[in-house]
Amino acid sequence: SISFSGGGKKYLNVKDKNSIVEDEIFGKEF
């Protein structure tokens, strides 16, 4: 298995002016 970082969900809200990105480090979710 080969993967590149930044493969999780990406959420943007221009009204609230924030972003939330789902990512993980060796199985731990952030």
ModelCIF file with pLDDT and N, C-alpha, C, O atoms, coordinates in Angstrom:
data_MODEL
#
_entry.id   MODEL 
#
_entity.id                         1 
_entity.type                       polymer 
_entity.pdbx_number_of_molecules   1 
#
_entity_poly.entity_id                      1 
_entity_poly.type                           'polypeptide(L)' 
_entity_poly.nstd_linkage                   no 
_entity_poly.nstd_monomer                   no 
_entity_poly.pdbx_seq_one_letter_code       SISFSGGGKKYLNVKDKNSIVEDEIFGKEF 
_entity_poly.pdbx_seq_one_letter_code_can   SISFSGGGKKYLNVKDKNSIVEDEIFGKEF 
_entity_poly.pdbx_strand_id                 A 
#
loop_
_entity_poly_seq.entity_id 
_entity_poly_seq.num 
_entity_poly_seq.mon_id 
_entity_poly_seq.hetero 
1 1  SER n 
1 2  ILE n 
1 3  SER n 
1 4  PHE n 
1 5  SER n 
1 6  GLY n 
1 7  GLY n 
1 8  GLY n 
1 9  LYS n 
1 10 LYS n 
1 11 TYR n 
1 12 LEU n 
1 13 ASN n 
1 14 VAL n 
1 15 LYS n 
1 16 ASP n 
1 17 LYS n 
1 18 ASN n 
1 19 SER n 
1 20 ILE n 
1 21 VAL n 
1 22 GLU n 
1 23 ASP n 
1 24 GLU n 
1 25 ILE n 
1 26 PHE n 
1 27 GLY n 
1 28 LYS n 
1 29 GLU n 
1 30 PHE n 
#
_struct_asym.id          A 
_struct_asym.entity_id   1 
#
loop_
_ma_qa_metric.id 
_ma_qa_metric.mode 
_ma_qa_metric.name 
_ma_qa_metric.software_group_id 
_ma_qa_metric.type 
1 global pLDDT . pLDDT 
2 local  pLDDT . pLDDT 
#
_ma_qa_metric_global.metric_id      1 
_ma_qa_metric_global.metric_value   83.97 
_ma_qa_metric_global.model_id       1 
_ma_qa_metric_global.ordinal_id     1 
#
loop_
_ma_qa_metric_local.label_asym_id 
_ma_qa_metric_local.label_comp_id 
_ma_qa_metric_local.label_seq_id 
_ma_qa_metric_local.metric_id 
_ma_qa_metric_local.metric_value 
_ma_qa_metric_local.model_id 
_ma_qa_metric_local.ordinal_id 
A SER 1  2 47.00 1 1  
A ILE 2  2 49.00 1 2  
A SER 3  2 49.00 1 3  
A PHE 4  2 51.00 1 4  
A SER 5  2 50.00 1 5  
A GLY 6  2 53.00 1 6  
A GLY 7  2 61.00 1 7  
A GLY 8  2 85.00 1 8  
A LYS 9  2 94.00 1 9  
A LYS 10 2 96.00 1 10 
A TYR 11 2 97.00 1 11 
A LEU 12 2 97.00 1 12 
A ASN 13 2 96.00 1 13 
A VAL 14 2 95.00 1 14 
A LYS 15 2 94.00 1 15 
A ASP 16 2 94.00 1 16 
A LYS 17 2 95.00 1 17 
A ASN 18 2 96.00 1 18 
A SER 19 2 96.00 1 19 
A ILE 20 2 97.00 1 20 
A VAL 21 2 96.00 1 21 
A GLU 22 2 95.00 1 22 
A ASP 23 2 94.00 1 23 
A GLU 24 2 93.00 1 24 
A ILE 25 2 91.00 1 25 
A PHE 26 2 87.00 1 26 
A GLY 27 2 88.00 1 27 
A LYS 28 2 92.00 1 28 
A GLU 29 2 95.00 1 29 
A PHE 30 2 96.00 1 30 
#
loop_
_atom_site.group_PDB 
_atom_site.id 
_atom_site.type_symbol 
_atom_site.label_atom_id 
_atom_site.label_alt_id 
_atom_site.label_comp_id 
_atom_site.label_asym_id 
_atom_site.label_entity_id 
_atom_site.label_seq_id 
_atom_site.pdbx_PDB_ins_code 
_atom_site.Cartn_x 
_atom_site.Cartn_y 
_atom_site.Cartn_z 
_atom_site.occupancy 
_atom_site.B_iso_or_equiv 
_atom_site.pdbx_formal_charge 
_atom_site.auth_seq_id 
_atom_site.auth_comp_id 
_atom_site.auth_asym_id 
_atom_site.auth_atom_id 
_atom_site.pdbx_PDB_model_num 
ATOM 1   N N  . SER A 1 1  ? 0.839   -1.189 0.000  1.00 47.00 ? 1  SER A N  1 
ATOM 2   C CA . SER A 1 1  ? 0.000   0.000  0.000  1.00 47.00 ? 1  SER A CA 1 
ATOM 3   C C  . SER A 1 1  ? 0.876   1.241  0.000  1.00 47.00 ? 1  SER A C  1 
ATOM 4   O O  . SER A 1 1  ? 1.801   1.366  0.803  1.00 47.00 ? 1  SER A O  1 
ATOM 5   N N  . ILE A 1 2  ? 0.569   2.165  -0.920 1.00 49.00 ? 2  ILE A N  1 
ATOM 6   C CA . ILE A 1 2  ? 1.278   3.440  -1.000 1.00 49.00 ? 2  ILE A CA 1 
ATOM 7   C C  . ILE A 1 2  ? 0.239   4.539  -0.918 1.00 49.00 ? 2  ILE A C  1 
ATOM 8   O O  . ILE A 1 2  ? -0.808  4.454  -1.560 1.00 49.00 ? 2  ILE A O  1 
ATOM 9   N N  . SER A 1 3  ? 0.517   5.570  -0.134 1.00 49.00 ? 3  SER A N  1 
ATOM 10  C CA . SER A 1 3  ? -0.442  6.672  -0.035 1.00 49.00 ? 3  SER A CA 1 
ATOM 11  C C  . SER A 1 3  ? 0.307   7.989  0.092  1.00 49.00 ? 3  SER A C  1 
ATOM 12  O O  . SER A 1 3  ? 1.463   8.035  0.513  1.00 49.00 ? 3  SER A O  1 
ATOM 13  N N  . PHE A 1 4  ? -0.392  9.069  -0.288 1.00 51.00 ? 4  PHE A N  1 
ATOM 14  C CA . PHE A 1 4  ? 0.160   10.408 -0.149 1.00 51.00 ? 4  PHE A CA 1 
ATOM 15  C C  . PHE A 1 4  ? -0.634  11.136 0.922  1.00 51.00 ? 4  PHE A C  1 
ATOM 16  O O  . PHE A 1 4  ? -1.819  10.861 1.113  1.00 51.00 ? 4  PHE A O  1 
ATOM 17  N N  . SER A 1 5  ? 0.003   12.054 1.614  1.00 50.00 ? 5  SER A N  1 
ATOM 18  C CA . SER A 1 5  ? -0.670  12.780 2.692  1.00 50.00 ? 5  SER A CA 1 
ATOM 19  C C  . SER A 1 5  ? -1.782  13.659 2.136  1.00 50.00 ? 5  SER A C  1 
ATOM 20  O O  . SER A 1 5  ? -1.789  13.994 0.952  1.00 50.00 ? 5  SER A O  1 
ATOM 21  N N  . GLY A 1 6  ? -2.719  14.028 3.001  1.00 53.00 ? 6  GLY A N  1 
ATOM 22  C CA . GLY A 1 6  ? -3.798  14.912 2.591  1.00 53.00 ? 6  GLY A CA 1 
ATOM 23  C C  . GLY A 1 6  ? -4.922  14.213 1.859  1.00 53.00 ? 6  GLY A C  1 
ATOM 24  O O  . GLY A 1 6  ? -5.613  14.830 1.049  1.00 53.00 ? 6  GLY A O  1 
ATOM 25  N N  . GLY A 1 7  ? -5.118  12.921 2.135  1.00 61.00 ? 7  GLY A N  1 
ATOM 26  C CA . GLY A 1 7  ? -6.134  12.176 1.392  1.00 61.00 ? 7  GLY A CA 1 
ATOM 27  C C  . GLY A 1 7  ? -7.507  12.177 2.015  1.00 61.00 ? 7  GLY A C  1 
ATOM 28  O O  . GLY A 1 7  ? -8.415  11.546 1.475  1.00 61.00 ? 7  GLY A O  1 
ATOM 29  N N  . GLY A 1 8  ? -7.702  12.868 3.148  1.00 85.00 ? 8  GLY A N  1 
ATOM 30  C CA . GLY A 1 8  ? -8.993  12.850 3.819  1.00 85.00 ? 8  GLY A CA 1 
ATOM 31  C C  . GLY A 1 8  ? -9.967  13.881 3.266  1.00 85.00 ? 8  GLY A C  1 
ATOM 32  O O  . GLY A 1 8  ? -9.698  14.536 2.259  1.00 85.00 ? 8  GLY A O  1 
ATOM 33  N N  . LYS A 1 9  ? -11.098 14.011 3.942  1.00 94.00 ? 9  LYS A N  1 
ATOM 34  C CA . LYS A 1 9  ? -12.133 14.963 3.511  1.00 94.00 ? 9  LYS A CA 1 
ATOM 35  C C  . LYS A 1 9  ? -11.673 16.396 3.760  1.00 94.00 ? 9  LYS A C  1 
ATOM 36  O O  . LYS A 1 9  ? -10.940 16.681 4.707  1.00 94.00 ? 9  LYS A O  1 
ATOM 37  N N  . LYS A 1 10 ? -12.129 17.295 2.873  1.00 96.00 ? 10 LYS A N  1 
ATOM 38  C CA . LYS A 1 10 ? -11.793 18.714 3.010  1.00 96.00 ? 10 LYS A CA 1 
ATOM 39  C C  . LYS A 1 10 ? -13.091 19.522 2.948  1.00 96.00 ? 10 LYS A C  1 
ATOM 40  O O  . LYS A 1 10 ? -13.855 19.421 1.988  1.00 96.00 ? 10 LYS A O  1 
ATOM 41  N N  . TYR A 1 11 ? -13.321 20.315 3.979  1.00 97.00 ? 11 TYR A N  1 
ATOM 42  C CA . TYR A 1 11 ? -14.549 21.098 4.090  1.00 97.00 ? 11 TYR A CA 1 
ATOM 43  C C  . TYR A 1 11 ? -14.212 22.578 4.146  1.00 97.00 ? 11 TYR A C  1 
ATOM 44  O O  . TYR A 1 11 ? -13.326 22.991 4.895  1.00 97.00 ? 11 TYR A O  1 
ATOM 45  N N  . LEU A 1 12 ? -14.924 23.384 3.345  1.00 97.00 ? 12 LEU A N  1 
ATOM 46  C CA . LEU A 1 12 ? -14.743 24.839 3.362  1.00 97.00 ? 12 LEU A CA 1 
ATOM 47  C C  . LEU A 1 12 ? -16.083 25.517 3.589  1.00 97.00 ? 12 LEU A C  1 
ATOM 48  O O  . LEU A 1 12 ? -17.111 25.067 3.084  1.00 97.00 ? 12 LEU A O  1 
ATOM 49  N N  . ASN A 1 13 ? -16.064 26.600 4.353  1.00 96.00 ? 13 ASN A N  1 
ATOM 50  C CA . ASN A 1 13 ? -17.278 27.375 4.590  1.00 96.00 ? 13 ASN A CA 1 
ATOM 51  C C  . ASN A 1 13 ? -16.918 28.858 4.451  1.00 96.00 ? 13 ASN A C  1 
ATOM 52  O O  . ASN A 1 13 ? -16.266 29.429 5.326  1.00 96.00 ? 13 ASN A O  1 
ATOM 53  N N  . VAL A 1 14 ? -17.349 29.479 3.341  1.00 95.00 ? 14 VAL A N  1 
ATOM 54  C CA . VAL A 1 14 ? -16.977 30.880 3.099  1.00 95.00 ? 14 VAL A CA 1 
ATOM 55  C C  . VAL A 1 14 ? -17.805 31.842 3.949  1.00 95.00 ? 14 VAL A C  1 
ATOM 56  O O  . VAL A 1 14 ? -17.421 32.997 4.136  1.00 95.00 ? 14 VAL A O  1 
ATOM 57  N N  . LYS A 1 15 ? -18.931 31.373 4.459  1.00 94.00 ? 15 LYS A N  1 
ATOM 58  C CA . LYS A 1 15 ? -19.751 32.212 5.327  1.00 94.00 ? 15 LYS A CA 1 
ATOM 59  C C  . LYS A 1 15 ? -19.120 32.319 6.716  1.00 94.00 ? 15 LYS A C  1 
ATOM 60  O O  . LYS A 1 15 ? -18.987 33.412 7.266  1.00 94.00 ? 15 LYS A O  1 
ATOM 61  N N  . ASP A 1 16 ? -18.738 31.177 7.271  1.00 94.00 ? 16 ASP A N  1 
ATOM 62  C CA . ASP A 1 16 ? -18.078 31.158 8.581  1.00 94.00 ? 16 ASP A CA 1 
ATOM 63  C C  . ASP A 1 16 ? -16.574 31.401 8.479  1.00 94.00 ? 16 ASP A C  1 
ATOM 64  O O  . ASP A 1 16 ? -15.898 31.604 9.488  1.00 94.00 ? 16 ASP A O  1 
ATOM 65  N N  . LYS A 1 17 ? -16.063 31.379 7.254  1.00 95.00 ? 17 LYS A N  1 
ATOM 66  C CA . LYS A 1 17 ? -14.632 31.638 6.977  1.00 95.00 ? 17 LYS A CA 1 
ATOM 67  C C  . LYS A 1 17 ? -13.719 30.668 7.719  1.00 95.00 ? 17 LYS A C  1 
ATOM 68  O O  . LYS A 1 17 ? -12.782 31.075 8.405  1.00 95.00 ? 17 LYS A O  1 
ATOM 69  N N  . ASN A 1 18 ? -14.013 29.374 7.567  1.00 96.00 ? 18 ASN A N  1 
ATOM 70  C CA . ASN A 1 18 ? -13.138 28.372 8.172  1.00 96.00 ? 18 ASN A CA 1 
ATOM 71  C C  . ASN A 1 18 ? -13.043 27.134 7.277  1.00 96.00 ? 18 ASN A C  1 
ATOM 72  O O  . ASN A 1 18 ? -13.881 26.905 6.406  1.00 96.00 ? 18 ASN A O  1 
ATOM 73  N N  . SER A 1 19 ? -11.998 26.351 7.521  1.00 96.00 ? 19 SER A N  1 
ATOM 74  C CA . SER A 1 19 ? -11.804 25.098 6.792  1.00 96.00 ? 19 SER A CA 1 
ATOM 75  C C  . SER A 1 19 ? -11.509 23.987 7.784  1.00 96.00 ? 19 SER A C  1 
ATOM 76  O O  . SER A 1 19 ? -10.894 24.215 8.825  1.00 96.00 ? 19 SER A O  1 
ATOM 77  N N  . ILE A 1 20 ? -11.953 22.782 7.450  1.00 97.00 ? 20 ILE A N  1 
ATOM 78  C CA . ILE A 1 20 ? -11.700 21.603 8.283  1.00 97.00 ? 20 ILE A CA 1 
ATOM 79  C C  . ILE A 1 20 ? -11.207 20.492 7.362  1.00 97.00 ? 20 ILE A C  1 
ATOM 80  O O  . ILE A 1 20 ? -11.892 20.105 6.415  1.00 97.00 ? 20 ILE A O  1 
ATOM 81  N N  . VAL A 1 21 ? -10.018 19.986 7.650  1.00 96.00 ? 21 VAL A N  1 
ATOM 82  C CA . VAL A 1 21 ? -9.431  18.924 6.838  1.00 96.00 ? 21 VAL A CA 1 
ATOM 83  C C  . VAL A 1 21 ? -9.245  17.683 7.700  1.00 96.00 ? 21 VAL A C  1 
ATOM 84  O O  . VAL A 1 21 ? -8.707  17.756 8.805  1.00 96.00 ? 21 VAL A O  1 
ATOM 85  N N  . GLU A 1 22 ? -9.693  16.553 7.187  1.00 95.00 ? 22 GLU A N  1 
ATOM 86  C CA . GLU A 1 22 ? -9.562  15.282 7.887  1.00 95.00 ? 22 GLU A CA 1 
ATOM 87  C C  . GLU A 1 22 ? -8.267  14.611 7.435  1.00 95.00 ? 22 GLU A C  1 
ATOM 88  O O  . GLU A 1 22 ? -8.050  14.416 6.239  1.00 95.00 ? 22 GLU A O  1 
ATOM 89  N N  . ASP A 1 23 ? -7.413  14.262 8.385  1.00 94.00 ? 23 ASP A N  1 
ATOM 90  C CA . ASP A 1 23 ? -6.152  13.599 8.037  1.00 94.00 ? 23 ASP A CA 1 
ATOM 91  C C  . ASP A 1 23 ? -5.768  12.653 9.167  1.00 94.00 ? 23 ASP A C  1 
ATOM 92  O O  . ASP A 1 23 ? -6.393  12.651 10.227 1.00 94.00 ? 23 ASP A O  1 
ATOM 93  N N  . GLU A 1 24 ? -4.730  11.847 8.930  1.00 93.00 ? 24 GLU A N  1 
ATOM 94  C CA . GLU A 1 24 ? -4.312  10.906 9.968  1.00 93.00 ? 24 GLU A CA 1 
ATOM 95  C C  . GLU A 1 24 ? -2.808  10.718 9.947  1.00 93.00 ? 24 GLU A C  1 
ATOM 96  O O  . GLU A 1 24 ? -2.150  10.936 8.930  1.00 93.00 ? 24 GLU A O  1 
ATOM 97  N N  . ILE A 1 25 ? -2.275  10.308 11.096 1.00 91.00 ? 25 ILE A N  1 
ATOM 98  C CA . ILE A 1 25 ? -0.850  10.025 11.227 1.00 91.00 ? 25 ILE A CA 1 
ATOM 99  C C  . ILE A 1 25 ? -0.711  8.618  11.778 1.00 91.00 ? 25 ILE A C  1 
ATOM 100 O O  . ILE A 1 25 ? -0.953  8.374  12.960 1.00 91.00 ? 25 ILE A O  1 
ATOM 101 N N  . PHE A 1 26 ? -0.319  7.695  10.910 1.00 87.00 ? 26 PHE A N  1 
ATOM 102 C CA . PHE A 1 26 ? -0.162  6.292  11.287 1.00 87.00 ? 26 PHE A CA 1 
ATOM 103 C C  . PHE A 1 26 ? -1.368  5.762  12.061 1.00 87.00 ? 26 PHE A C  1 
ATOM 104 O O  . PHE A 1 26 ? -1.225  5.130  13.107 1.00 87.00 ? 26 PHE A O  1 
ATOM 105 N N  . GLY A 1 27 ? -2.563  6.033  11.521 1.00 88.00 ? 27 GLY A N  1 
ATOM 106 C CA . GLY A 1 27 ? -3.788  5.470  12.093 1.00 88.00 ? 27 GLY A CA 1 
ATOM 107 C C  . GLY A 1 27 ? -4.522  6.376  13.059 1.00 88.00 ? 27 GLY A C  1 
ATOM 108 O O  . GLY A 1 27 ? -5.704  6.150  13.320 1.00 88.00 ? 27 GLY A O  1 
ATOM 109 N N  . LYS A 1 28 ? -3.867  7.399  13.603 1.00 92.00 ? 28 LYS A N  1 
ATOM 110 C CA . LYS A 1 28 ? -4.551  8.317  14.514 1.00 92.00 ? 28 LYS A CA 1 
ATOM 111 C C  . LYS A 1 28 ? -5.185  9.453  13.718 1.00 92.00 ? 28 LYS A C  1 
ATOM 112 O O  . LYS A 1 28 ? -4.526  10.093 12.899 1.00 92.00 ? 28 LYS A O  1 
ATOM 113 N N  . GLU A 1 29 ? -6.488  9.699  13.971 1.00 95.00 ? 29 GLU A N  1 
ATOM 114 C CA . GLU A 1 29 ? -7.231  10.682 13.192 1.00 95.00 ? 29 GLU A CA 1 
ATOM 115 C C  . GLU A 1 29 ? -7.138  12.086 13.785 1.00 95.00 ? 29 GLU A C  1 
ATOM 116 O O  . GLU A 1 29 ? -7.132  12.277 15.001 1.00 95.00 ? 29 GLU A O  1 
ATOM 117 N N  . PHE A 1 30 ? -7.067  13.061 12.874 1.00 96.00 ? 30 PHE A N  1 
ATOM 118 C CA . PHE A 1 30 ? -6.992  14.462 13.273 1.00 96.00 ? 30 PHE A CA 1 
ATOM 119 C C  . PHE A 1 30 ? -7.945  15.293 12.417 1.00 96.00 ? 30 PHE A C  1 
ATOM 120 O O  . PHE A 1 30 ? -8.035  16.508 12.594 1.00 96.00 ? 30 PHE A O  1 
#
